[in-house]
Protein backbone atom coordinates (compact mmCIF):
# COMPACT_ATOMS: atom_id res chain seq x y z
CA UNK A 1 0.00 0.00 0.00
CA UNK A 2 2.88 2.41 0.86
CA UNK A 3 4.59 1.66 -2.45
CA UNK A 4 1.35 2.46 -4.26
CA UNK A 5 1.06 5.90 -2.69
CA UNK A 6 4.78 6.56 -3.18
CA UNK A 7 4.44 5.77 -6.89
CA UNK A 8 1.50 8.16 -7.23
CA UNK A 9 3.51 10.85 -5.41
CA UNK A 10 6.15 10.82 -8.14
CA UNK A 11 3.82 10.26 -11.12
CA UNK A 12 1.22 12.96 -10.41
CA UNK A 13 3.60 16.02 -10.74
CA UNK A 14 5.10 14.63 -13.91
CA UNK A 15 1.67 14.03 -15.42
CA UNK A 16 0.51 17.50 -14.34
CA UNK A 17 3.48 19.18 -16.04
CA UNK A 18 3.17 17.06 -19.17
CA UNK A 19 -0.58 17.67 -19.43
CA UNK A 20 0.00 21.46 -18.82
CA UNK A 21 2.32 21.60 -21.83
CA UNK A 22 -0.20 19.59 -23.88
CA UNK A 23 -2.97 22.00 -22.83
CA UNK A 24 -0.90 25.06 -23.80
CA UNK A 25 0.00 23.47 -27.12
CA UNK A 26 -3.63 22.61 -27.92
CA UNK A 27 -4.73 26.13 -26.90
CA UNK A 28 -2.16 27.69 -29.25
CA UNK A 29 -3.33 25.54 -32.13
CA UNK A 30 -6.92 26.46 -31.59
CA UNK A 31 -6.39 30.10 -30.84
CA UNK A 32 -7.13 32.77 -33.45
CA UNK A 33 -4.25 34.99 -34.61
CA UNK A 34 -6.33 38.04 -33.77
CA UNK A 35 -6.08 37.29 -30.08
CA UNK A 36 -2.95 38.70 -28.51
CA UNK A 37 -1.66 40.37 -25.43
CA UNK A 38 -3.28 39.75 -22.09
CA UNK A 39 -6.18 37.71 -23.49
CA UNK A 40 -3.80 35.30 -25.14
CA UNK A 41 -1.86 34.86 -21.91
CA UNK A 42 -5.03 34.22 -19.89
CA UNK A 43 -6.29 31.59 -22.32
CA UNK A 44 -2.96 29.76 -22.37
CA UNK A 45 -2.77 29.88 -18.55
CA UNK A 46 -6.29 28.49 -18.10
CA UNK A 47 -5.64 25.71 -20.63
CA UNK A 48 -2.35 24.81 -18.95
CA UNK A 49 -3.90 24.76 -15.45
CA UNK A 50 -6.93 22.72 -16.58
CA UNK A 51 -4.80 20.07 -18.26
CA UNK A 52 -2.38 20.07 -15.31
CA UNK A 53 -5.28 19.27 -12.95
CA UNK A 54 -6.47 16.56 -15.32
CA UNK A 55 -2.98 15.04 -15.36
CA UNK A 56 -2.77 15.22 -11.57
CA UNK A 57 -6.03 13.28 -11.00
CA UNK A 58 -5.52 10.94 -13.94
CA UNK A 59 -4.26 8.00 -11.80
CA UNK A 60 -7.42 8.17 -9.63
CA UNK A 61 -9.65 8.33 -12.72
CA UNK A 62 -7.90 5.34 -14.28
CA UNK A 63 -8.23 3.35 -11.04
CA UNK A 64 -11.93 4.24 -10.60
CA UNK A 65 -13.02 3.48 -14.14
CA UNK A 66 -10.89 0.33 -14.16
CA UNK A 67 -12.68 -1.00 -11.12
CA UNK A 68 -16.06 0.02 -12.51
CA UNK A 69 -15.30 -1.73 -15.78
CA UNK A 70 -14.16 -4.92 -14.07
CA UNK A 71 -17.29 -4.91 -11.89
CA UNK A 72 -19.56 -4.42 -14.92
CA UNK A 73 -17.87 -7.26 -16.79
CA UNK A 74 -18.16 -9.57 -13.77
CA UNK A 75 -21.87 -8.78 -13.35
CA UNK A 76 -22.52 -9.46 -17.02
CA UNK A 77 -20.73 -12.81 -16.75
CA UNK A 78 -22.84 -13.71 -13.69
CA UNK A 79 -26.06 -12.85 -15.54
CA UNK A 80 -25.14 -15.04 -18.48
CA UNK A 81 -24.13 -17.90 -16.19
CA UNK A 82 -27.37 -17.73 -14.22
CA UNK A 83 -29.38 -17.88 -17.47
CA UNK A 84 -27.53 -21.01 -18.53
CA UNK A 85 -27.81 -22.58 -15.07
CA UNK A 86 -31.59 -22.07 -15.00
CA UNK A 87 -31.94 -24.57 -17.83
CA UNK A 88 -29.95 -27.26 -16.03
CA UNK A 89 -31.79 -29.95 -14.00
CA UNK A 90 -31.76 -29.16 -10.30
CA UNK A 91 -30.58 -31.87 -7.90
CA UNK A 92 -33.28 -33.61 -5.87
CA UNK A 93 -32.70 -34.12 -2.17
CA UNK A 94 -33.02 -37.68 -0.93
CA UNK A 95 -34.01 -38.53 2.61
CA UNK A 96 -32.87 -42.13 2.51
CA UNK A 97 -36.15 -43.73 1.43
CA UNK A 98 -35.81 -47.38 0.66
CA UNK A 99 -36.51 -48.90 -2.71
CA UNK A 100 -40.22 -49.35 -3.06
CA UNK A 101 -41.13 -46.60 -0.60
CA UNK A 102 -41.78 -44.24 -3.51
CA UNK A 103 -45.03 -46.12 -3.99
CA UNK A 104 -46.18 -45.13 -0.55
CA UNK A 105 -46.92 -41.49 -1.26
CA UNK A 106 -50.57 -41.99 -0.44
CA UNK A 107 -49.80 -43.41 2.99
CA UNK A 108 -47.26 -40.72 3.82
CA UNK A 109 -49.77 -37.94 3.97
CA UNK A 110 -51.43 -37.26 7.28
CA UNK A 111 -54.69 -38.92 8.25
CA UNK A 112 -57.06 -37.93 11.01
CA UNK A 113 -56.94 -40.49 13.84
CA UNK A 114 -56.42 -43.37 11.36
CA UNK A 115 -57.80 -46.91 11.80
CA UNK A 116 -56.43 -49.62 9.49
CA UNK A 117 -59.21 -52.12 8.71
CA UNK A 118 -58.47 -55.84 8.43
CA UNK A 119 -60.19 -58.17 5.96
CA UNK A 120 -61.72 -60.18 8.80
CA UNK A 121 -63.68 -57.15 10.03
CA UNK A 122 -65.28 -56.56 6.62
CA UNK A 123 -66.12 -60.25 6.25
CA UNK A 124 -67.66 -60.27 9.74
CA UNK A 125 -70.03 -57.44 8.84
CA UNK A 126 -70.69 -56.02 12.31
CA UNK A 127 -68.59 -52.97 11.54
CA UNK A 128 -71.42 -51.55 9.41
CA UNK A 129 -73.87 -51.55 12.33
CA UNK A 130 -71.22 -50.11 14.66
CA UNK A 131 -70.43 -47.35 12.15
CA UNK A 132 -74.09 -46.41 11.90
CA UNK A 133 -74.24 -45.78 15.64
CA UNK A 134 -71.61 -43.05 15.28
CA UNK A 135 -69.24 -44.54 17.86
CA UNK A 136 -66.37 -44.87 15.35
CA UNK A 137 -64.13 -41.83 15.68
CA UNK A 138 -61.37 -41.76 13.12
CA UNK A 139 -60.62 -42.27 9.46
CA UNK A 140 -60.92 -45.85 8.20
CA UNK A 141 -58.06 -46.84 5.88
CA UNK A 142 -58.62 -49.69 3.41
CA UNK A 143 -55.52 -51.11 1.71
CA UNK A 144 -55.66 -52.39 -1.90
CA UNK A 145 -54.50 -55.83 -0.72
CA UNK A 146 -57.54 -56.08 1.57
CA UNK A 147 -59.89 -55.43 -1.35
CA UNK A 148 -57.92 -57.91 -3.48
CA UNK A 149 -58.31 -60.53 -0.76
CA UNK A 150 -62.07 -59.94 -0.66
CA UNK A 151 -62.24 -60.35 -4.46
CA UNK A 152 -60.25 -63.56 -4.20
CA UNK A 153 -62.67 -64.93 -1.61
CA UNK A 154 -65.70 -63.85 -3.65
CA UNK A 155 -64.32 -65.70 -6.71
CA UNK A 156 -63.51 -68.88 -4.76
CA UNK A 157 -64.99 -72.22 -5.81
CA UNK A 158 -65.73 -72.91 -2.15
CA UNK A 159 -69.28 -71.74 -1.44
CA UNK A 160 -68.51 -70.76 2.15
CA UNK A 161 -65.49 -68.63 1.16
CA UNK A 162 -67.44 -67.16 -1.74
CA UNK A 163 -70.23 -66.07 0.61
CA UNK A 164 -67.72 -64.53 3.05
CA UNK A 165 -65.98 -62.60 0.25
CA UNK A 166 -69.25 -61.23 -1.10
CA UNK A 167 -70.38 -60.26 2.39
CA UNK A 168 -67.10 -58.36 2.83
CA UNK A 169 -67.49 -56.49 -0.46
CA UNK A 170 -71.11 -55.66 0.36
CA UNK A 171 -70.04 -54.47 3.80
CA UNK A 172 -67.43 -52.17 2.28
CA UNK A 173 -70.04 -50.72 -0.08
CA UNK A 174 -72.40 -50.18 2.87
CA UNK A 175 -69.67 -48.46 4.88
CA UNK A 176 -69.16 -45.91 2.10
CA UNK A 177 -72.85 -45.01 2.40
CA UNK A 178 -72.75 -44.33 6.16
CA UNK A 179 -73.25 -40.62 6.73
CA UNK A 180 -70.38 -38.90 8.50
CA UNK A 181 -68.00 -41.85 8.23
CA UNK A 182 -64.62 -41.01 6.69
CA UNK A 183 -63.19 -43.83 4.56
CA UNK A 184 -59.94 -43.65 2.57
CA UNK A 185 -59.24 -46.26 -0.10
CA UNK A 186 -55.46 -46.20 -0.39
CA UNK A 187 -53.77 -46.27 -3.79
CA UNK A 188 -50.91 -48.58 -2.83
CA UNK A 189 -49.75 -51.05 -0.21
CA UNK A 190 -46.73 -50.68 2.07
CA UNK A 191 -43.85 -53.11 1.64
CA UNK A 192 -44.68 -56.50 3.19
CA UNK A 193 -45.00 -60.21 2.47
CA UNK A 194 -48.68 -60.73 3.26
CA UNK A 195 -51.80 -58.74 4.11
CA UNK A 196 -51.23 -59.05 7.86
CA UNK A 197 -47.64 -57.83 7.64
CA UNK A 198 -48.69 -54.91 5.43
CA UNK A 199 -51.36 -53.99 7.98
CA UNK A 200 -48.76 -53.98 10.75
CA UNK A 201 -46.27 -51.94 8.68
CA UNK A 202 -48.88 -49.35 7.77
CA UNK A 203 -50.22 -49.07 11.32
CA UNK A 204 -46.73 -48.57 12.74
CA UNK A 205 -45.81 -46.06 10.00
CA UNK A 206 -48.91 -43.94 10.63
CA UNK A 207 -49.13 -44.68 14.36
CA UNK A 208 -52.62 -45.96 13.63
CA UNK A 209 -54.87 -48.55 15.24
CA UNK A 210 -55.76 -51.87 13.64
CA UNK A 211 -59.37 -53.04 13.62
CA UNK A 212 -59.58 -56.82 13.45
CA UNK A 213 -61.18 -59.98 14.86
CA UNK A 214 -58.24 -62.13 13.79
CA UNK A 215 -56.86 -63.72 16.98
CA UNK A 216 -53.28 -64.12 15.71
CA UNK A 217 -53.08 -60.64 14.18
CA UNK A 218 -54.42 -59.26 17.44
CA UNK A 219 -51.64 -60.95 19.43
CA UNK A 220 -48.83 -59.95 17.04
CA UNK A 221 -50.00 -56.32 16.92
CA UNK A 222 -50.08 -56.05 20.70
CA UNK A 223 -46.58 -57.57 20.95
CA UNK A 224 -45.32 -54.91 18.52
CA UNK A 225 -46.95 -52.13 20.51
CA UNK A 226 -49.71 -51.40 17.99
CA UNK A 227 -53.12 -50.54 19.37
CA UNK A 228 -55.90 -52.94 18.39
CA UNK A 229 -59.66 -52.48 18.12
CA UNK A 230 -61.08 -56.01 18.46
CA UNK A 231 -64.75 -56.23 17.57
CA UNK A 232 -65.14 -59.42 19.63
CA UNK A 233 -63.91 -57.59 22.70
CA UNK A 234 -66.28 -54.74 21.94
CA UNK A 235 -69.20 -57.15 21.60
CA UNK A 236 -68.36 -58.80 24.91
CA UNK A 237 -68.04 -55.43 26.59
CA UNK A 238 -71.55 -54.32 25.60
CA UNK A 239 -73.27 -57.61 26.47
CA UNK A 240 -75.77 -57.42 29.26
CA UNK A 241 -74.30 -58.27 32.64
CA UNK A 242 -75.51 -61.50 34.23
CA UNK A 243 -74.86 -61.97 37.94
CA UNK A 244 -74.80 -65.21 39.97
CA UNK A 245 -78.13 -65.77 41.69
CA UNK A 246 -80.07 -64.05 38.89
CA UNK A 247 -82.99 -65.88 37.26
CA UNK A 248 -83.18 -66.19 33.48
CA UNK A 249 -85.80 -67.46 31.05
CA UNK A 250 -84.05 -69.85 28.65
CA UNK A 251 -85.03 -72.03 25.70
CA UNK A 252 -82.95 -75.21 25.72
CA UNK A 253 -81.68 -75.53 22.14
CA UNK A 254 -79.25 -78.44 22.27
CA UNK A 255 -77.35 -80.91 24.42
CA UNK A 256 -74.05 -79.70 25.87
CA UNK A 257 -70.65 -81.39 26.04
CA UNK A 258 -71.73 -83.39 29.07
CA UNK A 259 -74.61 -85.83 28.79
CA UNK A 260 -76.80 -84.04 31.32
CA UNK A 261 -76.09 -80.50 30.10
CA UNK A 262 -78.50 -78.45 28.04
CA UNK A 263 -77.49 -75.33 26.09
CA UNK A 264 -79.45 -72.15 25.49
CA UNK A 265 -78.63 -68.59 24.43
CA UNK A 266 -79.43 -65.09 25.57
CA UNK A 267 -80.60 -62.46 23.09
CA UNK A 268 -77.07 -61.10 22.73
CA UNK A 269 -75.74 -64.57 21.85
CA UNK A 270 -74.26 -65.43 25.26
CA UNK A 271 -74.18 -69.18 25.77
CA UNK A 272 -76.02 -70.50 28.85
CA UNK A 273 -75.16 -74.01 30.04
CA UNK A 274 -77.92 -75.61 32.09
CA UNK A 275 -76.92 -78.47 34.38
CA UNK A 276 -79.41 -81.32 34.05
CA UNK A 277 -81.04 -79.62 31.09
CA UNK A 278 -80.27 -82.26 28.43
CA UNK A 279 -83.63 -83.96 28.98
CA UNK A 280 -85.40 -80.61 28.62
CA UNK A 281 -84.22 -79.91 25.05
CA UNK A 282 -86.82 -77.92 23.12
CA UNK A 283 -88.48 -76.60 26.26
CA UNK A 284 -88.47 -73.18 27.90
CA UNK A 285 -87.74 -72.88 31.61
CA UNK A 286 -86.49 -70.57 34.30
CA UNK A 287 -82.90 -71.13 35.40
CA UNK A 288 -80.78 -69.63 38.16
CA UNK A 289 -77.28 -68.40 37.33
CA UNK A 290 -74.60 -70.22 39.30
CA UNK A 291 -71.38 -68.95 37.70
CA UNK A 292 -70.22 -66.62 34.89
CA UNK A 293 -66.94 -67.25 33.02
CA UNK A 294 -65.20 -64.78 30.70
CA UNK A 295 -63.20 -66.57 27.97
CA UNK A 296 -61.38 -65.48 24.81
CA UNK A 297 -64.38 -66.69 22.83
CA UNK A 298 -66.81 -64.70 24.93
CA UNK A 299 -68.87 -64.97 28.11
CA UNK A 300 -70.34 -68.29 29.30
CA UNK A 301 -73.08 -68.63 31.91
CA UNK A 302 -73.52 -71.78 33.97
CA UNK A 303 -76.91 -72.38 35.56
CA UNK A 304 -79.38 -74.99 36.76
CA UNK A 305 -83.17 -75.16 36.67
CA UNK A 306 -84.72 -72.98 39.33
CA UNK A 307 -86.90 -75.83 40.60
CA UNK A 308 -83.76 -77.58 41.83
């Protein structure tokens, strides 16, 4: 920096003197012969001083315009480069999604309190009546593989499977007609080997609940920390309570596992075992409740005829 100013210190006087002589020379060339005396001297002096000043500030002017020119050229280059770059493909950021996850765009969006519905629930059919009551709070998600499984059952050569598949498809159609019920038919399945595994993957991904009556799926989901809505458990929970010592009116429908046992049913489907009721098959009688057992299959009531 000091060398720069030192150089200017020596150059500026020399340029001022040189430009003063140039100014006087130019003034003489342009001056009319009629001008003489004091006027001539004044004109030559002004021209010399003006050019001397120009020579003195010439280094600053050169430096300023040089910088301005370089800046203008650089800006023009940047404009041209940006125009070319705008036509180039922009890189896409990747968040480490696995192969096949690109098909899960539908499932990645947010759902309101989602419930993933299993095939067994649609085949069972009770979900339609439950939905009509308005107790279902949440968005029901139906995977394509569930619908495919229902179609496969409906096309089966086995009459029982065919009936179950058609009941499931009819149930799905009825669900879509329930007012106020939010159903989402997904476009694609998550990655998984079977329907059950896909249900578990989707439920864990969305932190959703699984609605099922499949015993094994229920157990696996609970082991993996996934919440389960089991319609069988719901049915048992809303059954009328029967207490020991209570009297019931029962129709004996069949013989039980023991020779002397008769079997009847309450209106909600609860099985009532009547001790000594085998000989009373086809008859209606009053029984007294002795014991109530809660099993995985449901509630069982043990009783004996009141007369005894």
